[in-house]
Protein backbone atom coordinates (compact mmCIF):
# COMPACT_ATOMS: atom_id res chain seq x y z
CA MET A 1 191.15 3.31 156.14
CA ILE A 2 189.93 4.78 159.38
CA ALA A 3 192.78 7.28 159.32
CA ASP A 4 191.94 8.26 155.72
CA GLY A 5 188.27 8.68 156.62
CA ARG A 6 189.16 10.89 159.56
CA GLN A 7 191.19 13.17 157.27
CA ALA A 8 188.48 13.34 154.60
CA GLY A 9 185.85 14.66 157.03
CA PRO A 10 187.65 17.89 157.97
CA ASP A 11 188.54 18.53 154.31
CA ARG A 12 184.87 18.45 153.31
CA ARG A 13 183.93 20.67 156.24
CA THR A 14 186.68 23.12 155.29
CA ARG A 15 185.59 23.21 151.67
CA ARG A 16 181.98 23.72 152.73
CA ALA A 17 182.93 26.56 155.09
CA ARG A 18 184.94 28.24 152.36
CA HIS A 19 181.99 27.91 149.97
CA ILE A 20 179.66 29.52 152.49
CA VAL A 21 182.11 32.39 153.03
CA TRP A 22 182.41 32.85 149.26
CA LEU A 23 178.64 32.93 148.86
CA ALA A 24 178.26 35.46 151.69
CA ALA A 25 180.96 37.66 150.20
CA SER A 26 179.32 37.43 146.78
CA CYS A 27 175.96 38.44 148.23
CA LEU A 28 177.50 41.39 150.04
CA PHE A 29 179.27 42.46 146.86
CA VAL A 30 176.08 42.26 144.80
CA ALA A 31 174.14 44.16 147.45
CA ALA A 32 176.84 46.84 147.59
CA VAL A 33 176.89 47.23 143.82
CA ALA A 34 173.10 47.36 143.68
CA GLY A 35 173.07 49.92 146.46
CA GLU A 36 175.62 52.06 144.64
CA ALA A 37 173.62 51.79 141.44
CA CYS A 38 170.47 52.94 143.21
CA ALA A 39 172.27 55.75 145.00
CA ALA A 40 173.99 56.80 141.77
CA ARG A 41 170.76 57.16 139.79
CA PRO A 42 170.55 60.88 139.06
CA ILE A 43 167.44 63.01 139.03
CA THR A 44 167.02 65.57 136.26
CA VAL A 45 166.07 69.08 137.30
CA ALA A 46 164.91 71.41 134.54
CA GLY A 47 165.46 75.04 135.45
CA ALA A 48 164.90 78.43 133.87
CA ALA A 49 168.14 79.83 132.45
CA SER A 50 168.19 82.58 135.07
CA LEU A 51 168.36 79.94 137.84
CA THR A 52 171.58 78.39 136.50
CA ASP A 53 174.10 79.65 139.07
CA ALA A 54 171.80 79.28 142.09
CA PHE A 55 170.65 75.79 141.14
CA GLU A 56 174.15 74.52 140.48
CA GLU A 57 175.01 75.51 144.04
CA LEU A 58 171.77 73.92 145.29
CA GLY A 59 172.80 70.70 143.58
CA ARG A 60 176.17 70.70 145.33
CA HIS A 61 174.59 71.16 148.74
CA ALA A 62 171.47 69.01 148.41
CA SER A 63 171.39 66.43 151.17
CA GLY A 64 171.67 62.68 150.56
CA GLN A 65 173.61 60.78 147.95
CA THR A 66 171.32 61.50 145.00
CA ARG A 67 173.14 62.98 142.04
CA VAL A 68 171.42 65.90 140.37
CA GLU A 69 171.70 66.65 136.66
CA PHE A 70 170.41 69.95 135.31
CA SER A 71 168.83 71.06 132.08
CA PHE A 72 168.76 74.85 131.77
CA ALA A 73 166.89 76.77 129.07
CA GLY A 74 164.22 79.39 128.64
CA SER A 75 161.06 78.61 130.58
CA GLN A 76 158.98 78.37 127.41
CA THR A 77 161.48 75.87 125.95
CA LEU A 78 161.39 73.68 129.06
CA ARG A 79 157.60 73.75 129.09
CA THR A 80 157.51 72.57 125.47
CA GLN A 81 160.09 69.86 126.15
CA LEU A 82 158.07 68.49 129.06
CA GLU A 83 154.87 68.58 127.03
CA HIS A 84 156.67 66.44 124.44
CA GLY A 85 157.81 63.84 126.95
CA ALA A 86 161.15 65.06 128.30
CA GLY A 87 162.20 62.93 131.26
CA PHE A 88 162.45 65.65 133.89
CA ASP A 89 161.93 64.84 137.56
CA VAL A 90 161.68 68.44 138.79
CA ILE A 91 160.92 71.64 136.90
CA ALA A 92 161.42 75.27 137.99
CA LEU A 93 160.26 78.13 135.77
CA ALA A 94 160.42 81.91 135.93
CA ASP A 95 156.70 82.62 135.64
CA SER A 96 153.41 81.19 136.84
CA THR A 97 151.92 81.14 133.31
CA PRO A 98 153.83 78.10 131.95
CA MET A 99 153.62 76.35 135.32
CA ASN A 100 149.85 76.76 135.43
CA ALA A 101 149.63 75.38 131.90
CA LEU A 102 151.64 72.30 132.92
CA ALA A 103 149.47 71.86 136.02
CA ARG A 104 146.27 72.04 133.94
CA ALA A 105 147.72 69.37 131.66
CA LYS A 106 148.35 67.22 134.77
CA LEU A 107 152.06 67.00 133.93
CA ILE A 108 153.27 68.33 137.28
CA ASP A 109 152.20 68.23 140.89
CA ALA A 110 151.07 71.41 142.65
CA PRO A 111 153.67 74.11 141.92
CA GLN A 112 155.03 76.19 144.79
CA GLU A 113 156.53 79.66 144.70
CA LEU A 114 160.30 79.33 144.93
CA ALA A 115 161.67 82.87 144.86
CA ARG A 116 161.35 86.36 143.42
CA SER A 117 163.51 88.77 141.48
CA ARG A 118 163.05 92.16 139.82
CA MET A 119 163.90 93.65 136.46
CA VAL A 120 166.81 96.02 135.79
CA LEU A 121 168.40 97.72 132.82
CA VAL A 122 171.91 96.62 131.90
CA ALA A 123 174.30 98.53 129.67
CA PRO A 124 177.91 97.90 128.60
CA VAL A 125 180.40 99.24 131.13
CA ARG A 126 182.28 101.32 128.58
CA THR A 127 179.30 103.28 127.24
CA ARG A 128 177.10 105.95 128.79
CA ALA A 129 174.31 105.99 126.21
CA VAL A 130 171.79 104.77 128.79
CA ARG A 131 171.65 106.26 132.26
CA SER A 132 167.90 106.14 132.92
CA ILE A 133 164.80 104.38 131.65
CA ALA A 134 163.97 107.44 129.51
CA ASP A 135 167.24 107.04 127.57
CA LEU A 136 165.90 103.82 126.04
CA GLY A 137 163.76 105.97 123.74
CA ARG A 138 166.54 108.21 122.43
CA PRO A 139 167.20 107.98 118.68
CA GLY A 140 169.79 105.36 117.76
CA VAL A 141 169.81 103.53 121.12
CA ARG A 142 169.86 99.76 120.52
CA VAL A 143 167.66 97.83 122.95
CA LEU A 144 167.54 94.06 123.47
CA LEU A 145 164.66 92.16 125.06
CA ALA A 146 163.81 88.50 125.47
CA VAL A 147 161.07 87.12 123.23
CA SER A 148 157.57 87.73 124.52
CA ALA A 149 157.04 83.97 124.91
CA ALA A 150 159.81 83.92 127.54
CA PRO A 151 159.01 85.12 131.06
CA ALA A 152 161.77 87.76 130.87
CA GLY A 153 160.18 89.08 127.68
CA ARG A 154 156.71 89.18 129.26
CA TYR A 155 158.07 91.01 132.30
CA ALA A 156 159.88 93.49 130.03
CA ASP A 157 156.64 94.06 128.09
CA ARG A 158 154.88 94.80 131.37
CA VAL A 159 157.57 97.36 132.24
CA LEU A 160 157.00 99.02 128.85
CA ALA A 161 153.24 99.00 129.45
CA ASN A 162 153.82 100.68 132.82
CA ILE A 163 155.96 103.31 131.08
CA GLY A 164 153.13 103.99 128.62
CA ALA A 165 150.64 104.38 131.46
CA ASP A 166 152.92 106.67 133.49
CA ARG A 167 151.96 110.35 133.44
CA ALA A 168 155.54 111.57 133.57
CA LEU A 169 156.76 109.33 130.74
CA GLY A 170 153.80 108.33 128.64
CA GLU A 171 152.84 106.45 125.52
CA ASN A 172 155.24 108.32 123.23
CA LEU A 173 158.24 107.05 125.20
CA ARG A 174 156.89 103.49 125.17
CA ARG A 175 156.52 103.60 121.38
CA ALA A 176 160.01 105.10 120.99
CA ILE A 177 161.54 102.32 123.11
CA GLU A 178 159.73 99.63 121.14
CA ALA A 179 161.03 101.18 117.90
CA ASN A 180 164.56 100.89 119.30
CA VAL A 181 164.31 97.15 120.02
CA VAL A 182 166.79 95.64 117.57
CA SER A 183 166.37 92.01 118.63
CA ARG A 184 164.29 89.65 120.74
CA GLU A 185 166.46 86.91 122.21
CA ALA A 186 165.49 83.35 123.18
CA ASP A 187 166.08 83.90 126.91
CA VAL A 188 167.38 86.39 129.41
CA ARG A 189 170.92 84.98 129.45
CA ALA A 190 171.20 85.67 125.71
CA VAL A 191 170.14 89.29 126.29
CA LEU A 192 172.73 89.72 129.02
CA ALA A 193 175.51 88.09 126.98
CA LYS A 194 174.94 90.32 123.95
CA VAL A 195 174.80 93.50 126.02
CA ALA A 196 178.01 92.46 127.80
CA LEU A 197 179.67 92.05 124.39
CA GLY A 198 178.57 95.55 123.37
CA GLU A 199 176.15 94.33 120.70
CA ALA A 200 173.44 96.59 122.13
CA ASP A 201 173.26 99.71 124.28
CA ALA A 202 170.86 98.26 126.84
CA GLY A 203 168.70 95.31 127.76
CA ILE A 204 166.10 94.43 130.36
CA VAL A 205 167.08 91.42 132.49
CA TYR A 206 166.57 89.98 135.96
CA ALA A 207 168.57 91.66 138.70
CA THR A 208 169.71 88.19 139.79
CA ASP A 209 171.46 87.62 136.45
CA VAL A 210 173.79 90.58 136.68
CA GLU A 211 176.36 88.95 138.97
CA GLY A 212 177.45 86.63 136.16
CA ALA A 213 178.39 89.61 133.99
CA LYS A 214 179.92 91.73 136.74
CA GLY A 215 182.62 94.03 135.38
CA ARG A 216 181.20 93.87 131.86
CA VAL A 217 177.83 95.55 132.40
CA ARG A 218 176.52 98.27 134.67
CA VAL A 219 173.08 98.35 136.18
CA VAL A 220 170.51 101.09 135.73
CA GLU A 221 167.65 100.68 138.18
CA ILE A 222 164.05 100.75 136.97
CA PRO A 223 161.87 102.94 139.23
CA ASP A 224 159.63 100.92 141.52
CA ARG A 225 156.45 102.41 140.07
CA LEU A 226 157.40 100.97 136.67
CA ASN A 227 158.98 97.72 137.75
CA VAL A 228 157.46 94.25 138.18
CA ASP A 229 158.23 91.26 140.37
CA ALA A 230 159.42 88.12 138.62
CA THR A 231 158.18 85.01 140.44
CA TYR A 232 159.82 81.60 140.19
CA TRP A 233 157.93 78.35 140.72
CA ILE A 234 159.01 74.77 141.33
CA ALA A 235 157.22 71.40 141.13
CA THR A 236 157.86 67.69 140.77
CA VAL A 237 156.91 66.06 137.47
CA ARG A 238 153.93 63.75 137.78
CA GLY A 239 154.70 60.12 136.99
CA ASN A 240 158.49 60.62 136.80
CA ALA A 241 159.33 61.92 140.23
CA GLY A 242 160.35 59.64 143.07
CA PRO A 243 161.26 60.47 146.67
CA GLU A 244 164.61 61.93 145.58
CA ALA A 245 162.86 64.56 143.44
CA ALA A 246 160.51 65.48 146.28
CA ALA A 247 163.53 65.75 148.59
CA PHE A 248 165.24 68.18 146.20
CA VAL A 249 162.14 70.39 146.13
CA ARG A 250 161.93 70.36 149.93
CA PHE A 251 165.62 71.28 150.13
CA ALA A 252 165.18 74.17 147.67
CA LEU A 253 162.21 75.51 149.65
CA GLY A 254 163.81 74.91 153.05
CA PRO A 255 166.06 77.21 155.10
CA GLU A 256 169.35 76.10 153.51
CA GLY A 257 167.95 76.26 150.00
CA ARG A 258 166.49 79.71 150.57
CA ALA A 259 169.81 80.91 151.97
CA ILE A 260 171.57 79.73 148.80
CA LEU A 261 169.01 81.49 146.62
CA ALA A 262 169.39 84.65 148.70
CA ARG A 263 173.15 84.59 148.11
CA HIS A 264 172.37 84.78 144.41
CA GLY A 265 170.08 87.77 144.90
CA PHE A 266 166.69 86.07 144.99
CA ARG A 267 164.01 87.22 147.41
CA HIS A 268 161.23 85.28 149.14
């Protein structure tokens, strides 16, 4: 009996030790899974269509383990989506007008200027119908612009207004160009795509968009006196954004983020 009792003691201790080890391992496993789940939670960054290439690279280089998912569209579309409850964490638009409207509605935190671009004319590589801004007013030239509600459309309208006010070009040319506008597209990427396909003779787009259509379009510069700066703005979404969203904004505005944007043609 004594011998049996002596054997039973170690068995119970062994079983208890194994149980403790199992519990510890289980806790570590649960903690690891929970940690992975937290780290894997993506943030959603809404970006103007013209930021697509630059932001995809930003997402690949953003520090930390936060996954970034993007939603790209025209700035006016993203503004409307956020106003109707879209679950964005960060938003970056191509004009201060929609950003200011979102700030007044208390939907975003204080927006900051992200980058700048300029407007250019693009024409299909295989045609020579447009070689200068004045050619946009020639009879039969098909011109594409973004809708006026889109930043690219507003910037294009400002270029046309500058043409009308210019002594060398004048109001007659502005009216002739407007008469040649065959379509207003939803965003600047749609303008670029249609010009690249030869569906129009020219379009007004951001200079930073041209790289994506290299070899299919050629660029015709708009004189500085007629051109306008396109400004891009970024902000976290109020109520949705956590530290990961704020970290993405800091990265985009920091030295590495600015270098990435510069590689895509954006200025600061």
